[in-house]
């Protein structure tokens, strides 16, 4: 009952501007999201499409509380972009440049999250027609109706677009969940025009032996733990050429972890308004391990530009 009540309140807050629901405003500090640790463990262990949807619906608000925004990516950090929102926008900008969006007309954003990157690109490239594809229907509803953006509830391995119909297939930090990844590559090849581009930003392990060294990340890093070599192989075997590759893990994981560790008390207070302490503790330990794994070159973050 408590969770259902929270869902109703959150839907009201999302769907209506504040001036239309003054009598619905409630101090949500009184209500905690109830999470069964066994459920989270099983979702992460199985990682089928339904599990990933449940995991994101349950834990995405942690990312929003920690960053203060609606982008769910790790960000691309530097001296000029040293807070989460700025770093996330910087990653979107760099990704757009790699994808040559200034010359694109029709793009698919596969695994579009809460659609914040798509809105960012639309605002910078007004002639773009964007299709946000997401298996998670509730995430597609999050941003409401948007100019030049269509929301498509579909799987990454069954893209509902005709052959040679799009200029770009963009995958910003979601391809780590796609399986079979080879089917996504095949679908991308089918829908892209001959001059089109497939561009990915994806967390990777550095080699297959790295998986055994992930520690707690094996359970808290909810992905397929694809190695960089495997990703390269599946892309090229699927008929693409990787024309540009950039590894930016040290500008992603390390500064993100440093930010959380420096701001932990403040961020913890925000997270505990909605989640129980063990969620924040698990997040804290995962972030510590993430930084260690990055420094030891167990994980990296790859930007890949692919052509037919």
C-alpha atoms as a PDB file:
ATOM      1  CA  UNK A   1       0.000   0.000   0.000  1.00  0.00           C
ATOM      2  CA  UNK A   2       2.794   2.407   0.926  1.00  0.00           C
ATOM      3  CA  UNK A   3       4.625   1.887  -2.378  1.00  0.00           C
ATOM      4  CA  UNK A   4       1.411   2.326  -4.351  1.00  0.00           C
ATOM      5  CA  UNK A   5       0.725   5.581  -2.560  1.00  0.00           C
ATOM      6  CA  UNK A   6       4.215   6.859  -3.358  1.00  0.00           C
ATOM      7  CA  UNK A   7       3.740   5.931  -7.018  1.00  0.00           C
ATOM      8  CA  UNK A   8       0.516   7.922  -7.138  1.00  0.00           C
ATOM      9  CA  UNK A   9       2.165  10.961  -5.565  1.00  0.00           C
ATOM     10  CA  UNK A  10       5.173  10.771  -7.892  1.00  0.00           C
ATOM     11  CA  UNK A  11       2.887  10.466 -10.923  1.00  0.00           C
ATOM     12  CA  UNK A  12       0.957  13.530  -9.802  1.00  0.00           C
ATOM     13  CA  UNK A  13       4.173  15.483  -9.337  1.00  0.00           C
ATOM     14  CA  UNK A  14       5.464  14.391 -12.759  1.00  0.00           C
ATOM     15  CA  UNK A  15       2.289  14.929 -14.744  1.00  0.00           C
ATOM     16  CA  UNK A  16       1.109  18.264 -13.353  1.00  0.00           C
ATOM     17  CA  UNK A  17       2.840  21.587 -12.778  1.00  0.00           C
ATOM     18  CA  UNK A  18       3.137  22.647  -9.155  1.00  0.00           C
ATOM     19  CA  UNK A  19       0.509  25.374  -9.400  1.00  0.00           C
ATOM     20  CA  UNK A  20      -2.142  22.770 -10.343  1.00  0.00           C
ATOM     21  CA  UNK A  21      -1.699  20.395  -7.416  1.00  0.00           C
ATOM     22  CA  UNK A  22      -1.064  22.410  -4.244  1.00  0.00           C
ATOM     23  CA  UNK A  23      -3.276  20.101  -2.207  1.00  0.00           C
ATOM     24  CA  UNK A  24      -1.315  17.050  -3.392  1.00  0.00           C
ATOM     25  CA  UNK A  25       2.034  18.311  -2.109  1.00  0.00           C
ATOM     26  CA  UNK A  26       3.196  15.965   0.610  1.00  0.00           C
ATOM     27  CA  UNK A  27       6.369  15.680   2.608  1.00  0.00           C
ATOM     28  CA  UNK A  28       7.799  12.536   1.012  1.00  0.00           C
ATOM     29  CA  UNK A  29      10.379  12.296   3.775  1.00  0.00           C
ATOM     30  CA  UNK A  30       7.676  10.397   5.655  1.00  0.00           C
ATOM     31  CA  UNK A  31       7.685   7.610   3.070  1.00  0.00           C
ATOM     32  CA  UNK A  32      10.588   5.366   2.127  1.00  0.00           C
ATOM     33  CA  UNK A  33      10.723   3.246  -1.015  1.00  0.00           C
ATOM     34  CA  UNK A  34      10.688  -0.348   0.165  1.00  0.00           C
ATOM     35  CA  UNK A  35      13.285  -2.457  -1.664  1.00  0.00           C
ATOM     36  CA  UNK A  36      13.787  -6.163  -1.154  1.00  0.00           C
ATOM     37  CA  UNK A  37      17.565  -6.801  -1.402  1.00  0.00           C
ATOM     38  CA  UNK A  38      16.853 -10.276  -2.802  1.00  0.00           C
ATOM     39  CA  UNK A  39      14.828  -8.754  -5.648  1.00  0.00           C
ATOM     40  CA  UNK A  40      17.680  -6.393  -6.550  1.00  0.00           C
ATOM     41  CA  UNK A  41      20.162  -9.281  -6.420  1.00  0.00           C
ATOM     42  CA  UNK A  42      18.004 -11.445  -8.705  1.00  0.00           C
ATOM     43  CA  UNK A  43      17.342  -8.596 -11.158  1.00  0.00           C
ATOM     44  CA  UNK A  44      21.081  -7.984 -11.418  1.00  0.00           C
ATOM     45  CA  UNK A  45      21.913 -11.673 -11.663  1.00  0.00           C
ATOM     46  CA  UNK A  46      19.359 -12.543 -14.375  1.00  0.00           C
ATOM     47  CA  UNK A  47      19.447  -9.222 -16.265  1.00  0.00           C
ATOM     48  CA  UNK A  48      16.635 -10.031 -18.684  1.00  0.00           C
ATOM     49  CA  UNK A  49      14.641  -7.141 -20.139  1.00  0.00           C
ATOM     50  CA  UNK A  50      11.984  -7.185 -17.415  1.00  0.00           C
ATOM     51  CA  UNK A  51      14.646  -7.276 -14.712  1.00  0.00           C
ATOM     52  CA  UNK A  52      16.514  -4.309 -16.191  1.00  0.00           C
ATOM     53  CA  UNK A  53      13.254  -2.329 -16.361  1.00  0.00           C
ATOM     54  CA  UNK A  54      12.480  -3.114 -12.718  1.00  0.00           C
ATOM     55  CA  UNK A  55      16.012  -2.240 -11.670  1.00  0.00           C
ATOM     56  CA  UNK A  56      15.946   1.127 -13.424  1.00  0.00           C
ATOM     57  CA  UNK A  57      12.461   1.967 -12.167  1.00  0.00           C
ATOM     58  CA  UNK A  58      13.580   1.242  -8.630  1.00  0.00           C
ATOM     59  CA  UNK A  59      17.060   2.758  -8.594  1.00  0.00           C
ATOM     60  CA  UNK A  60      17.117   5.495 -11.268  1.00  0.00           C
ATOM     61  CA  UNK A  61      15.821   8.019  -8.713  1.00  0.00           C
ATOM     62  CA  UNK A  62      19.047   7.426  -6.739  1.00  0.00           C
ATOM     63  CA  UNK A  63      20.990   8.797  -9.727  1.00  0.00           C
ATOM     64  CA  UNK A  64      18.590  11.716  -9.986  1.00  0.00           C
ATOM     65  CA  UNK A  65      18.932  12.490  -6.286  1.00  0.00           C
ATOM     66  CA  UNK A  66      22.724  12.282  -6.517  1.00  0.00           C
ATOM     67  CA  UNK A  67      23.013  14.481  -9.617  1.00  0.00           C
ATOM     68  CA  UNK A  68      20.009  16.775  -9.389  1.00  0.00           C
ATOM     69  CA  UNK A  69      19.091  16.077 -13.026  1.00  0.00           C
ATOM     70  CA  UNK A  70      17.392  13.594 -15.359  1.00  0.00           C
ATOM     71  CA  UNK A  71      20.391  12.325 -17.316  1.00  0.00           C
ATOM     72  CA  UNK A  72      21.408   8.858 -16.202  1.00  0.00           C
ATOM     73  CA  UNK A  73      24.924   8.715 -17.696  1.00  0.00           C
ATOM     74  CA  UNK A  74      28.209   8.884 -15.760  1.00  0.00           C
ATOM     75  CA  UNK A  75      29.379  12.083 -17.461  1.00  0.00           C
ATOM     76  CA  UNK A  76      32.657  13.175 -19.078  1.00  0.00           C
ATOM     77  CA  UNK A  77      34.527  15.140 -16.428  1.00  0.00           C
ATOM     78  CA  UNK A  78      37.276  17.765 -16.650  1.00  0.00           C
ATOM     79  CA  UNK A  79      38.251  21.024 -14.942  1.00  0.00           C
ATOM     80  CA  UNK A  80      35.472  22.941 -16.704  1.00  0.00           C
ATOM     81  CA  UNK A  81      32.889  20.210 -16.092  1.00  0.00           C
ATOM     82  CA  UNK A  82      33.379  19.198 -12.478  1.00  0.00           C
ATOM     83  CA  UNK A  83      29.798  18.630 -11.304  1.00  0.00           C
ATOM     84  CA  UNK A  84      27.445  15.843 -12.429  1.00  0.00           C
ATOM     85  CA  UNK A  85      25.044  17.825 -14.629  1.00  0.00           C
ATOM     86  CA  UNK A  86      27.844  19.716 -16.371  1.00  0.00           C
ATOM     87  CA  UNK A  87      29.807  16.489 -16.910  1.00  0.00           C
ATOM     88  CA  UNK A  88      26.741  14.704 -18.279  1.00  0.00           C
ATOM     89  CA  UNK A  89      26.053  17.518 -20.735  1.00  0.00           C
ATOM     90  CA  UNK A  90      29.717  17.475 -21.722  1.00  0.00           C
ATOM     91  CA  UNK A  91      29.455  13.769 -22.542  1.00  0.00           C
ATOM     92  CA  UNK A  92      26.347  14.446 -24.634  1.00  0.00           C
ATOM     93  CA  UNK A  93      28.150  17.250 -26.485  1.00  0.00           C
ATOM     94  CA  UNK A  94      31.245  15.166 -27.186  1.00  0.00           C
ATOM     95  CA  UNK A  95      29.064  12.250 -28.265  1.00  0.00           C
ATOM     96  CA  UNK A  96      27.094  14.521 -30.622  1.00  0.00           C
ATOM     97  CA  UNK A  97      30.329  15.750 -32.203  1.00  0.00           C
ATOM     98  CA  UNK A  98      31.557  12.200 -32.725  1.00  0.00           C
ATOM     99  CA  UNK A  99      28.185  11.301 -34.246  1.00  0.00           C
ATOM    100  CA  UNK A 100      28.331  14.303 -36.607  1.00  0.00           C
ATOM    101  CA  UNK A 101      24.818  15.325 -35.640  1.00  0.00           C
ATOM    102  CA  UNK A 102      25.181  18.646 -37.453  1.00  0.00           C
ATOM    103  CA  UNK A 103      24.736  16.738 -40.738  1.00  0.00           C
ATOM    104  CA  UNK A 104      22.146  14.221 -39.544  1.00  0.00           C
ATOM    105  CA  UNK A 105      18.405  14.354 -40.153  1.00  0.00           C
ATOM    106  CA  UNK A 106      16.850  11.225 -38.634  1.00  0.00           C
ATOM    107  CA  UNK A 107      18.327   9.468 -35.622  1.00  0.00           C
ATOM    108  CA  UNK A 108      17.408   6.655 -33.259  1.00  0.00           C
ATOM    109  CA  UNK A 109      18.429   6.944 -29.611  1.00  0.00           C
ATOM    110  CA  UNK A 110      18.334   3.323 -28.428  1.00  0.00           C
ATOM    111  CA  UNK A 111      17.925   2.838 -24.688  1.00  0.00           C
ATOM    112  CA  UNK A 112      17.022   6.500 -24.317  1.00  0.00           C
ATOM    113  CA  UNK A 113      16.475   6.543 -20.547  1.00  0.00           C
ATOM    114  CA  UNK A 114      14.438   9.553 -19.428  1.00  0.00           C
ATOM    115  CA  UNK A 115      15.068  11.174 -22.858  1.00  0.00           C
ATOM    116  CA  UNK A 116      17.205  14.003 -21.421  1.00  0.00           C
ATOM    117  CA  UNK A 117      20.082  13.433 -23.911  1.00  0.00           C
ATOM    118  CA  UNK A 118      17.625  13.413 -26.833  1.00  0.00           C
ATOM    119  CA  UNK A 119      16.127  16.700 -25.646  1.00  0.00           C
ATOM    120  CA  UNK A 120      19.648  18.110 -25.270  1.00  0.00           C
ATOM    121  CA  UNK A 121      20.516  17.137 -28.870  1.00  0.00           C
ATOM    122  CA  UNK A 122      17.195  18.436 -30.202  1.00  0.00           C
ATOM    123  CA  UNK A 123      17.840  21.789 -28.555  1.00  0.00           C
ATOM    124  CA  UNK A 124      21.267  22.052 -30.196  1.00  0.00           C
ATOM    125  CA  UNK A 125      20.317  20.616 -33.600  1.00  0.00           C
ATOM    126  CA  UNK A 126      16.805  21.856 -34.334  1.00  0.00           C
ATOM    127  CA  UNK A 127      16.482  20.059 -37.676  1.00  0.00           C
ATOM    128  CA  UNK A 128      16.879  16.626 -36.112  1.00  0.00           C
ATOM    129  CA  UNK A 129      14.039  14.146 -36.077  1.00  0.00           C
ATOM    130  CA  UNK A 130      14.692  11.904 -33.072  1.00  0.00           C
ATOM    131  CA  UNK A 131      13.170   8.534 -32.234  1.00  0.00           C
ATOM    132  CA  UNK A 132      13.684   7.521 -28.593  1.00  0.00           C
ATOM    133  CA  UNK A 133      13.554   3.728 -28.360  1.00  0.00           C
ATOM    134  CA  UNK A 134      13.169   2.221 -24.914  1.00  0.00           C
ATOM    135  CA  UNK A 135      11.858  -1.086 -23.604  1.00  0.00           C
ATOM    136  CA  UNK A 136      10.907   0.801 -20.428  1.00  0.00           C
ATOM    137  CA  UNK A 137       7.510   2.361 -21.109  1.00  0.00           C
ATOM    138  CA  UNK A 138       7.393   4.403 -17.897  1.00  0.00           C
ATOM    139  CA  UNK A 139      10.684   6.097 -18.797  1.00  0.00           C
ATOM    140  CA  UNK A 140       9.272   7.059 -22.196  1.00  0.00           C
ATOM    141  CA  UNK A 141       6.409   8.861 -20.442  1.00  0.00           C
ATOM    142  CA  UNK A 142       8.712  10.836 -18.168  1.00  0.00           C
ATOM    143  CA  UNK A 143       9.424  13.914 -20.305  1.00  0.00           C
ATOM    144  CA  UNK A 144       5.951  14.285 -21.819  1.00  0.00           C
ATOM    145  CA  UNK A 145       5.312  15.325 -25.427  1.00  0.00           C
ATOM    146  CA  UNK A 146       8.385  16.826 -27.099  1.00  0.00           C
ATOM    147  CA  UNK A 147       8.840  18.686 -30.384  1.00  0.00           C
ATOM    148  CA  UNK A 148      10.636  16.605 -33.059  1.00  0.00           C
ATOM    149  CA  UNK A 149      10.899  13.601 -30.731  1.00  0.00           C
ATOM    150  CA  UNK A 150       8.928  10.372 -31.137  1.00  0.00           C
ATOM    151  CA  UNK A 151       8.813   7.842 -28.305  1.00  0.00           C
ATOM    152  CA  UNK A 152       8.923   4.184 -29.311  1.00  0.00           C
ATOM    153  CA  UNK A 153       8.386   1.344 -26.846  1.00  0.00           C
ATOM    154  CA  UNK A 154      10.508  -1.434 -28.330  1.00  0.00           C
ATOM    155  CA  UNK A 155      13.508  -3.660 -27.808  1.00  0.00           C
ATOM    156  CA  UNK A 156      17.017  -2.899 -29.045  1.00  0.00           C
ATOM    157  CA  UNK A 157      16.998  -6.184 -30.956  1.00  0.00           C
ATOM    158  CA  UNK A 158      13.736  -5.448 -32.823  1.00  0.00           C
ATOM    159  CA  UNK A 159      13.905  -1.871 -34.068  1.00  0.00           C
ATOM    160  CA  UNK A 160      10.557  -0.974 -35.705  1.00  0.00           C
ATOM    161  CA  UNK A 161      12.031   0.989 -38.603  1.00  0.00           C
ATOM    162  CA  UNK A 162      12.307   0.222 -42.297  1.00  0.00           C
ATOM    163  CA  UNK A 163      15.531  -0.662 -44.078  1.00  0.00           C
ATOM    164  CA  UNK A 164      17.986   2.209 -44.739  1.00  0.00           C
ATOM    165  CA  UNK A 165      15.647   4.721 -43.071  1.00  0.00           C
ATOM    166  CA  UNK A 166      17.858   6.540 -40.544  1.00  0.00           C
ATOM    167  CA  UNK A 167      21.139   8.497 -40.527  1.00  0.00           C
ATOM    168  CA  UNK A 168      22.340   7.638 -37.040  1.00  0.00           C
ATOM    169  CA  UNK A 169      21.869   4.949 -34.433  1.00  0.00           C
ATOM    170  CA  UNK A 170      23.010   6.357 -31.093  1.00  0.00           C
ATOM    171  CA  UNK A 171      23.561   4.318 -27.961  1.00  0.00           C
ATOM    172  CA  UNK A 172      24.587   6.456 -25.002  1.00  0.00           C
ATOM    173  CA  UNK A 173      25.425   4.198 -22.071  1.00  0.00           C
ATOM    174  CA  UNK A 174      22.747   1.592 -22.653  1.00  0.00           C
ATOM    175  CA  UNK A 175      24.327  -1.020 -24.956  1.00  0.00           C
ATOM    176  CA  UNK A 176      25.848  -2.792 -21.941  1.00  0.00           C
ATOM    177  CA  UNK A 177      22.317  -4.137 -21.323  1.00  0.00           C
ATOM    178  CA  UNK A 178      21.593  -5.331 -24.873  1.00  0.00           C
ATOM    179  CA  UNK A 179      21.470  -9.050 -25.467  1.00  0.00           C
ATOM    180  CA  UNK A 180      22.080 -10.648 -27.779  1.00  0.00           C
ATOM    181  CA  UNK A 181      24.308  -7.703 -28.661  1.00  0.00           C
ATOM    182  CA  UNK A 182      24.909  -9.204 -32.090  1.00  0.00           C
ATOM    183  CA  UNK A 183      21.187  -8.890 -32.886  1.00  0.00           C
ATOM    184  CA  UNK A 184      21.282  -5.200 -32.025  1.00  0.00           C
ATOM    185  CA  UNK A 185      24.240  -4.760 -34.393  1.00  0.00           C
ATOM    186  CA  UNK A 186      22.334  -6.593 -37.121  1.00  0.00           C
ATOM    187  CA  UNK A 187      19.278  -4.372 -36.610  1.00  0.00           C
ATOM    188  CA  UNK A 188      21.439  -1.229 -36.668  1.00  0.00           C
ATOM    189  CA  UNK A 189      22.957  -2.308 -39.975  1.00  0.00           C
ATOM    190  CA  UNK A 190      19.493  -2.938 -41.414  1.00  0.00           C
ATOM    191  CA  UNK A 191      17.961   0.440 -40.511  1.00  0.00           C
ATOM    192  CA  UNK A 192      20.989   2.642 -41.255  1.00  0.00           C
ATOM    193  CA  UNK A 193      21.506   4.316 -44.610  1.00  0.00           C
ATOM    194  CA  UNK A 194      24.697   3.429 -46.496  1.00  0.00           C
ATOM    195  CA  UNK A 195      26.384   6.597 -45.212  1.00  0.00           C
ATOM    196  CA  UNK A 196      24.920   6.262 -41.702  1.00  0.00           C
ATOM    197  CA  UNK A 197      26.778   5.984 -38.415  1.00  0.00           C
ATOM    198  CA  UNK A 198      26.426   3.777 -35.370  1.00  0.00           C
ATOM    199  CA  UNK A 199      27.883   5.536 -32.320  1.00  0.00           C
ATOM    200  CA  UNK A 200      28.182   3.994 -28.867  1.00  0.00           C
ATOM    201  CA  UNK A 201      29.242   5.083 -25.403  1.00  0.00           C
ATOM    202  CA  UNK A 202      29.614   1.944 -23.319  1.00  0.00           C
ATOM    203  CA  UNK A 203      31.214   0.825 -20.040  1.00  0.00           C
ATOM    204  CA  UNK A 204      33.448  -2.185 -20.714  1.00  0.00           C
ATOM    205  CA  UNK A 205      35.794  -4.552 -18.997  1.00  0.00           C
ATOM    206  CA  UNK A 206      39.299  -4.335 -20.398  1.00  0.00           C
ATOM    207  CA  UNK A 207      39.686  -8.063 -20.980  1.00  0.00           C
ATOM    208  CA  UNK A 208      37.765 -11.246 -20.199  1.00  0.00           C
ATOM    209  CA  UNK A 209      39.854 -12.008 -17.120  1.00  0.00           C
ATOM    210  CA  UNK A 210      38.780  -8.684 -15.623  1.00  0.00           C
ATOM    211  CA  UNK A 211      35.332 -10.048 -14.768  1.00  0.00           C
ATOM    212  CA  UNK A 212      36.726 -12.143 -11.936  1.00  0.00           C
ATOM    213  CA  UNK A 213      38.304  -9.003 -10.469  1.00  0.00           C
ATOM    214  CA  UNK A 214      35.150  -6.894 -10.405  1.00  0.00           C
ATOM    215  CA  UNK A 215      34.274  -7.840  -6.839  1.00  0.00           C
ATOM    216  CA  UNK A 216      31.039  -6.167  -5.714  1.00  0.00           C
ATOM    217  CA  UNK A 217      30.631  -4.650  -9.186  1.00  0.00           C
ATOM    218  CA  UNK A 218      29.754  -8.100 -10.512  1.00  0.00           C
ATOM    219  CA  UNK A 219      26.462  -7.681  -8.650  1.00  0.00           C
ATOM    220  CA  UNK A 220      25.944  -3.904  -8.470  1.00  0.00           C
ATOM    221  CA  UNK A 221      27.111  -3.004 -11.998  1.00  0.00           C
ATOM    222  CA  UNK A 222      23.923  -4.122 -13.737  1.00  0.00           C
ATOM    223  CA  UNK A 223      25.233  -4.926 -17.186  1.00  0.00           C
ATOM    224  CA  UNK A 224      26.455  -7.828 -19.302  1.00  0.00           C
ATOM    225  CA  UNK A 225      30.084  -6.937 -18.417  1.00  0.00           C
ATOM    226  CA  UNK A 226      31.093  -7.012 -22.073  1.00  0.00           C
ATOM    227  CA  UNK A 227      34.813  -6.798 -22.693  1.00  0.00           C
ATOM    228  CA  UNK A 228      36.154  -4.195 -25.099  1.00  0.00           C
ATOM    229  CA  UNK A 229      37.544  -6.939 -27.319  1.00  0.00           C
ATOM    230  CA  UNK A 230      34.179  -8.687 -27.496  1.00  0.00           C
ATOM    231  CA  UNK A 231      32.410  -5.439 -28.389  1.00  0.00           C
ATOM    232  CA  UNK A 232      34.934  -4.735 -31.137  1.00  0.00           C
ATOM    233  CA  UNK A 233      34.556  -8.268 -32.492  1.00  0.00           C
ATOM    234  CA  UNK A 234      30.739  -8.206 -32.548  1.00  0.00           C
ATOM    235  CA  UNK A 235      30.692  -4.802 -34.260  1.00  0.00           C
ATOM    236  CA  UNK A 236      33.145  -5.760 -36.999  1.00  0.00           C
ATOM    237  CA  UNK A 237      31.686  -9.250 -37.426  1.00  0.00           C
ATOM    238  CA  UNK A 238      28.309  -7.558 -37.900  1.00  0.00           C
ATOM    239  CA  UNK A 239      29.560  -5.653 -40.939  1.00  0.00           C
ATOM    240  CA  UNK A 240      30.745  -2.357 -39.442  1.00  0.00           C
ATOM    241  CA  UNK A 241      34.160  -0.705 -39.427  1.00  0.00           C
ATOM    242  CA  UNK A 242      35.208   1.123 -36.271  1.00  0.00           C
ATOM    243  CA  UNK A 243      36.456   4.440 -37.642  1.00  0.00           C
ATOM    244  CA  UNK A 244      37.083   6.111 -34.285  1.00  0.00           C
ATOM    245  CA  UNK A 245      37.641   4.795 -30.767  1.00  0.00           C
ATOM    246  CA  UNK A 246      38.318   6.729 -27.576  1.00  0.00           C
ATOM    247  CA  UNK A 247      38.763   5.310 -24.078  1.00  0.00           C
ATOM    248  CA  UNK A 248      37.803   7.860 -21.412  1.00  0.00           C
ATOM    249  CA  UNK A 249      37.414   5.784 -18.250  1.00  0.00           C
ATOM    250  CA  UNK A 250      39.830   7.899 -16.221  1.00  0.00           C
ATOM    251  CA  UNK A 251      37.699  10.972 -17.025  1.00  0.00           C
ATOM    252  CA  UNK A 252      34.487   9.173 -16.137  1.00  0.00           C
ATOM    253  CA  UNK A 253      34.770   6.808 -13.171  1.00  0.00           C
ATOM    254  CA  UNK A 254      37.532   8.459 -11.157  1.00  0.00           C
ATOM    255  CA  UNK A 255      36.145  12.025 -10.977  1.00  0.00           C
ATOM    256  CA  UNK A 256      32.591  10.751 -10.516  1.00  0.00           C
ATOM    257  CA  UNK A 257      33.744   8.687  -7.543  1.00  0.00           C
ATOM    258  CA  UNK A 258      35.744  11.607  -6.149  1.00  0.00           C
ATOM    259  CA  UNK A 259      32.703  13.867  -6.404  1.00  0.00           C
ATOM    260  CA  UNK A 260      30.500  11.402  -4.524  1.00  0.00           C
ATOM    261  CA  UNK A 261      33.103  10.765  -1.842  1.00  0.00           C
ATOM    262  CA  UNK A 262      33.633  14.500  -1.299  1.00  0.00           C
ATOM    263  CA  UNK A 263      29.903  15.247  -1.217  1.00  0.00           C
ATOM    264  CA  UNK A 264      28.802  12.036   0.466  1.00  0.00           C
ATOM    265  CA  UNK A 265      27.250  13.558   3.578  1.00  0.00           C
ATOM    266  CA  UNK A 266      25.131  15.961   1.564  1.00  0.00           C
ATOM    267  CA  UNK A 267      24.154  13.370  -1.056  1.00  0.00           C
ATOM    268  CA  UNK A 268      23.483  10.733   1.585  1.00  0.00           C
ATOM    269  CA  UNK A 269      20.994  13.040   3.273  1.00  0.00           C
ATOM    270  CA  UNK A 270      19.088  13.422  -0.014  1.00  0.00           C
ATOM    271  CA  UNK A 271      19.135   9.698  -0.772  1.00  0.00           C
ATOM    272  CA  UNK A 272      17.943   8.737   2.710  1.00  0.00           C
ATOM    273  CA  UNK A 273      14.832  10.839   2.195  1.00  0.00           C
ATOM    274  CA  UNK A 274      13.614   8.150  -0.178  1.00  0.00           C
ATOM    275  CA  UNK A 275      15.731   5.033   0.368  1.00  0.00           C
ATOM    276  CA  UNK A 276      16.838   2.969   3.334  1.00  0.00           C
ATOM    277  CA  UNK A 277      20.458   3.278   4.556  1.00  0.00           C
ATOM    278  CA  UNK A 278      21.607  -0.005   3.030  1.00  0.00           C
ATOM    279  CA  UNK A 279      20.944   1.364  -0.490  1.00  0.00           C
ATOM    280  CA  UNK A 280      23.291   4.294   0.092  1.00  0.00           C
ATOM    281  CA  UNK A 281      25.867   2.024   1.748  1.00  0.00           C
ATOM    282  CA  UNK A 282      25.796  -0.321  -1.254  1.00  0.00           C
ATOM    283  CA  UNK A 283      26.124   2.654  -3.594  1.00  0.00           C
ATOM    284  CA  UNK A 284      29.076   3.996  -1.594  1.00  0.00           C
ATOM    285  CA  UNK A 285      30.916   0.649  -1.655  1.00  0.00           C
ATOM    286  CA  UNK A 286      30.225   0.215  -5.366  1.00  0.00           C
ATOM    287  CA  UNK A 287      31.597   3.667  -6.153  1.00  0.00           C
ATOM    288  CA  UNK A 288      34.746   2.932  -4.168  1.00  0.00           C
ATOM    289  CA  UNK A 289      35.226  -0.318  -6.076  1.00  0.00           C
ATOM    290  CA  UNK A 290      34.464   1.400  -9.380  1.00  0.00           C
ATOM    291  CA  UNK A 291      37.278   3.888  -8.823  1.00  0.00           C
ATOM    292  CA  UNK A 292      39.694   1.128  -7.805  1.00  0.00           C
ATOM    293  CA  UNK A 293      38.744  -0.989 -10.837  1.00  0.00           C
ATOM    294  CA  UNK A 294      39.267   1.993 -13.127  1.00  0.00           C
ATOM    295  CA  UNK A 295      42.702   2.776 -11.724  1.00  0.00           C
ATOM    296  CA  UNK A 296      43.707  -0.882 -12.049  1.00  0.00           C
ATOM    297  CA  UNK A 297      42.497  -0.910 -15.689  1.00  0.00           C
ATOM    298  CA  UNK A 298      39.889  -3.545 -14.982  1.00  0.00           C
ATOM    299  CA  UNK A 299      37.127  -1.377 -16.450  1.00  0.00           C
ATOM    300  CA  UNK A 300      37.090   1.416 -19.005  1.00  0.00           C
ATOM    301  CA  UNK A 301      34.572   3.537 -20.877  1.00  0.00           C
ATOM    302  CA  UNK A 302      34.592   3.332 -24.665  1.00  0.00           C
ATOM    303  CA  UNK A 303      33.334   5.774 -27.275  1.00  0.00           C
ATOM    304  CA  UNK A 304      33.003   4.044 -30.642  1.00  0.00           C
ATOM    305  CA  UNK A 305      32.105   5.471 -34.046  1.00  0.00           C
ATOM    306  CA  UNK A 306      31.182   2.826 -36.612  1.00  0.00           C
ATOM    307  CA  UNK A 307      30.529   2.952 -40.340  1.00  0.00           C
ATOM    308  CA  UNK A 308      29.210   0.488 -42.890  1.00  0.00           C
END
